[in-house]
Structure formats: structure tokens, C-alpha cells
Amino acid sequence: MPDAVVITCSNRAAAGTYADRSGPLLVDALRGWGFACSAPVVVPDGPPVGEALRSAITAGADVVLTTGGTGLTPTDQTPEQTRPLLTREVPGVAEALRAAGVAAGVPTAMLSRGLAGLAGSTLVINLPGSSGGVRDAIAVLEPVLTHAVQQIGGGDHG
């Protein structure tokens, strides 16, 4: 069973100002797709995101999904924390996530700066922080995530 980690990147959720709604949606989806996945790791924006990513990658996670911190506000730093860890980018995933949001009638989805790529053999994907954006992302990822993990492990393209 492949391992997945969900990281919620939010100053307010980390401070307890409001409950993390997006992280649990991702955990439920991943478990439904056959991934072993614990409760979301909730961290404030900025360097704690990078620390959580490094921890998940070092622990050998097959997939790490982040939610939040991909917008344009000054505290949105998830892509900046992600990029230095990536050894290969997978831009089609990030492009498909933005396109799905726009197609769902959310033009601001194009403002997401989320990245997708490999950090060694770990697939890292930045998702938006809103629960609606996460639902759209789940629909995009469901048909490809298991196949991507198989390919990363040396599996066939079939």
C-alpha cells in the first residue's frame, strides 16, 4: 500500500482560528484510492511548510499533497518552499488543476501558483486551500495518481 502525507499550509488553521476542512477531504480521498494516510499535518505558512515537506520526503512518502499557500497574498509561500525540494517538475499536473478550477466556474483558480513534481521518488503536489478547490483537485487526481506512483516506482506506461 503506497504511503501519502497531507500537509495543510495555513496560519489560521495552525493557530486554531478555524478548523482545517481541506486536509481531511484529501485524507479521505487518498484512503479511498488505497493509500495509507494519517491525519493532515497542519503548519503555518512559510518555512514550516518546507520543514513538513522535508520530513515527509525523508520518511519515504510516495505522495505528498499540500493544501493552501498557493495564492498571491504575502504569506502564501508554499511554492517557494516546494520548488527547492523538487528534482523534476511535472507541470501538466499543476496546469490541469488550474484548468479544472477555471472550467468549474472559478476564474481565480488561474491565480494559483501551485507546483507538482518529484522530490527524489516522492510525488509532491501543491493544491489550493479552499475546500472547493480541493474537491476539484480530487476529481483531477483520482484517475492518475495511482498510475503516477506506479510509474515513479518503475512501472510500465500501460
Protein backbone atom coordinates (compact mmCIF):
# COMPACT_ATOMS: atom_id res chain seq x y z
CA MET A 1 0.00 0.00 0.00
CA PRO A 2 1.56 3.33 -1.01
CA ASP A 3 2.04 5.99 1.66
CA ALA A 4 0.68 9.52 1.38
CA VAL A 5 1.02 12.61 3.54
CA VAL A 6 -1.29 15.63 3.54
CA ILE A 7 0.10 18.97 4.69
CA THR A 8 -2.29 21.84 5.36
CA CYS A 9 -0.45 25.14 4.98
CA SER A 10 -2.39 27.82 6.83
CA ASN A 11 -1.53 30.35 9.51
CA ARG A 12 -5.15 30.45 10.71
CA ALA A 13 -5.71 26.68 10.80
CA ALA A 14 -2.35 26.18 12.55
CA ALA A 15 -3.35 28.79 15.15
CA GLY A 16 -6.74 27.16 15.69
CA THR A 17 -8.63 30.19 14.37
CA TYR A 18 -10.66 27.81 12.23
CA ALA A 19 -10.78 24.10 11.56
CA ASP A 20 -8.88 22.55 8.69
CA ARG A 21 -11.54 21.44 6.21
CA SER A 22 -9.40 20.80 3.13
CA GLY A 23 -6.84 18.43 4.66
CA PRO A 24 -9.43 15.89 5.85
CA LEU A 25 -11.05 15.87 2.38
CA LEU A 26 -7.69 14.88 0.90
CA VAL A 27 -7.02 12.22 3.53
CA ASP A 28 -10.43 10.65 2.86
CA ALA A 29 -9.83 10.67 -0.90
CA LEU A 30 -6.35 9.16 -0.59
CA ARG A 31 -7.56 6.40 1.70
CA GLY A 32 -10.38 5.67 -0.74
CA TRP A 33 -7.80 5.29 -3.52
CA GLY A 34 -5.82 2.74 -1.49
CA PHE A 35 -3.17 4.94 0.11
CA ALA A 36 -2.09 4.70 3.73
CA CYS A 37 -2.57 8.22 5.06
CA SER A 38 -2.58 9.67 8.58
CA ALA A 39 -4.39 12.81 9.69
CA PRO A 40 -3.25 16.02 7.99
CA VAL A 41 -0.15 17.79 9.26
CA VAL A 42 -1.22 21.41 9.87
CA VAL A 43 1.55 24.02 9.73
CA PRO A 44 1.72 27.80 9.39
CA ASP A 45 2.81 29.34 6.10
CA GLY A 46 6.48 29.83 5.28
CA PRO A 47 9.45 27.76 6.48
CA PRO A 48 7.31 25.29 8.50
CA VAL A 49 5.87 24.13 5.16
CA GLY A 50 9.36 23.31 3.91
CA GLU A 51 10.16 21.51 7.16
CA ALA A 52 6.98 19.39 6.90
CA LEU A 53 7.73 18.60 3.25
CA ARG A 54 11.30 17.54 4.03
CA SER A 55 10.06 15.36 6.89
CA ALA A 56 7.51 13.58 4.66
CA ILE A 57 10.03 13.09 1.85
CA THR A 58 12.71 11.79 4.24
CA ALA A 59 10.18 9.38 5.76
CA GLY A 60 9.69 7.89 2.30
CA ALA A 61 6.17 9.04 1.44
CA ASP A 62 5.13 8.09 -2.09
CA VAL A 63 2.86 11.14 -2.39
CA VAL A 64 2.69 14.44 -0.53
CA LEU A 65 -0.29 16.69 -1.16
CA THR A 66 -0.22 20.20 0.26
CA THR A 67 -3.29 22.38 0.56
CA GLY A 68 -3.04 26.14 0.92
CA GLY A 69 -0.43 28.81 0.48
CA THR A 70 -0.50 28.88 -3.33
CA GLY A 71 -2.16 32.27 -3.86
CA LEU A 72 -0.85 35.79 -4.13
CA THR A 73 -1.00 37.04 -0.55
CA PRO A 74 2.32 37.93 1.08
CA THR A 75 2.14 34.87 3.37
CA ASP A 76 1.44 32.39 0.53
CA GLN A 77 4.84 30.69 0.28
CA THR A 78 4.07 27.02 -0.42
CA PRO A 79 5.54 27.03 -3.97
CA GLU A 80 8.69 28.75 -2.70
CA GLN A 81 9.06 26.09 0.00
CA THR A 82 8.36 23.30 -2.51
CA ARG A 83 10.49 24.26 -5.53
CA PRO A 84 13.94 23.78 -3.93
CA LEU A 85 13.00 20.22 -2.97
CA LEU A 86 11.90 19.14 -6.45
CA THR A 87 14.31 17.18 -8.59
CA ARG A 88 11.90 17.07 -11.57
CA GLU A 89 8.77 19.10 -12.18
CA VAL A 90 5.55 17.61 -13.55
CA PRO A 91 3.94 20.79 -14.89
CA GLY A 92 0.98 19.08 -16.54
CA VAL A 93 -0.49 18.19 -13.15
CA ALA A 94 -0.41 21.79 -11.89
CA GLU A 95 -1.76 23.04 -15.22
CA ALA A 96 -4.63 20.51 -15.11
CA LEU A 97 -5.52 21.54 -11.57
CA ARG A 98 -5.74 25.22 -12.53
CA ALA A 99 -7.70 24.42 -15.71
CA ALA A 100 -10.22 22.29 -13.79
CA GLY A 101 -10.90 25.14 -11.39
CA VAL A 102 -11.44 27.61 -14.21
CA ALA A 103 -13.67 25.09 -16.02
CA ALA A 104 -15.70 24.70 -12.80
CA GLY A 105 -16.51 28.41 -12.96
CA VAL A 106 -13.80 29.72 -10.63
CA PRO A 107 -11.72 32.12 -12.75
CA THR A 108 -9.44 32.91 -9.79
CA ALA A 109 -8.14 29.32 -9.98
CA MET A 110 -5.71 30.59 -12.62
CA LEU A 111 -4.01 32.64 -9.90
CA SER A 112 -2.82 29.52 -8.08
CA ARG A 113 0.96 29.21 -8.18
CA GLY A 114 0.92 25.56 -7.12
CA LEU A 115 3.64 23.22 -8.34
CA ALA A 116 3.84 19.49 -8.95
CA GLY A 117 6.94 17.40 -9.24
CA LEU A 118 9.22 14.73 -7.88
CA ALA A 119 11.44 15.12 -4.86
CA GLY A 120 13.51 12.01 -5.41
CA SER A 121 10.86 9.30 -5.63
CA THR A 122 8.15 11.30 -3.81
CA LEU A 123 5.43 12.98 -5.87
CA VAL A 124 4.66 16.40 -4.38
CA ILE A 125 1.58 18.34 -5.50
CA ASN A 126 0.51 21.77 -4.22
CA LEU A 127 -3.27 22.24 -4.10
CA PRO A 128 -5.33 25.32 -3.31
CA GLY A 129 -6.51 25.86 0.25
CA SER A 130 -10.24 26.16 -0.34
CA SER A 131 -12.40 23.07 0.12
CA GLY A 132 -13.96 23.71 -3.31
CA GLY A 133 -10.53 23.87 -4.92
CA VAL A 134 -9.58 20.64 -3.17
CA ARG A 135 -12.75 18.91 -4.41
CA ASP A 136 -11.89 20.00 -7.97
CA ALA A 137 -8.33 18.73 -7.46
CA ILE A 138 -9.54 15.37 -6.19
CA ALA A 139 -11.52 14.91 -9.40
CA VAL A 140 -8.39 15.69 -11.45
CA LEU A 141 -6.05 13.46 -9.44
CA GLU A 142 -8.26 10.40 -8.96
CA PRO A 143 -7.71 8.87 -12.42
CA VAL A 144 -3.93 9.46 -12.48
CA LEU A 145 -2.40 9.40 -9.00
CA THR A 146 -2.03 5.63 -8.59
CA HIS A 147 -0.66 5.33 -12.12
CA ALA A 148 1.85 8.10 -11.42
CA VAL A 149 3.09 6.31 -8.29
CA GLN A 150 3.45 3.08 -10.27
CA GLN A 151 5.49 4.88 -12.95
CA ILE A 152 7.72 6.51 -10.35
CA GLY A 153 8.41 3.04 -8.99
CA GLY A 154 9.50 1.87 -12.45
CA GLY A 155 6.16 0.58 -13.70
CA ASP A 156 5.04 0.49 -17.30
CA HIS A 157 3.17 3.28 -19.11
CA GLY A 158 0.24 0.91 -19.82
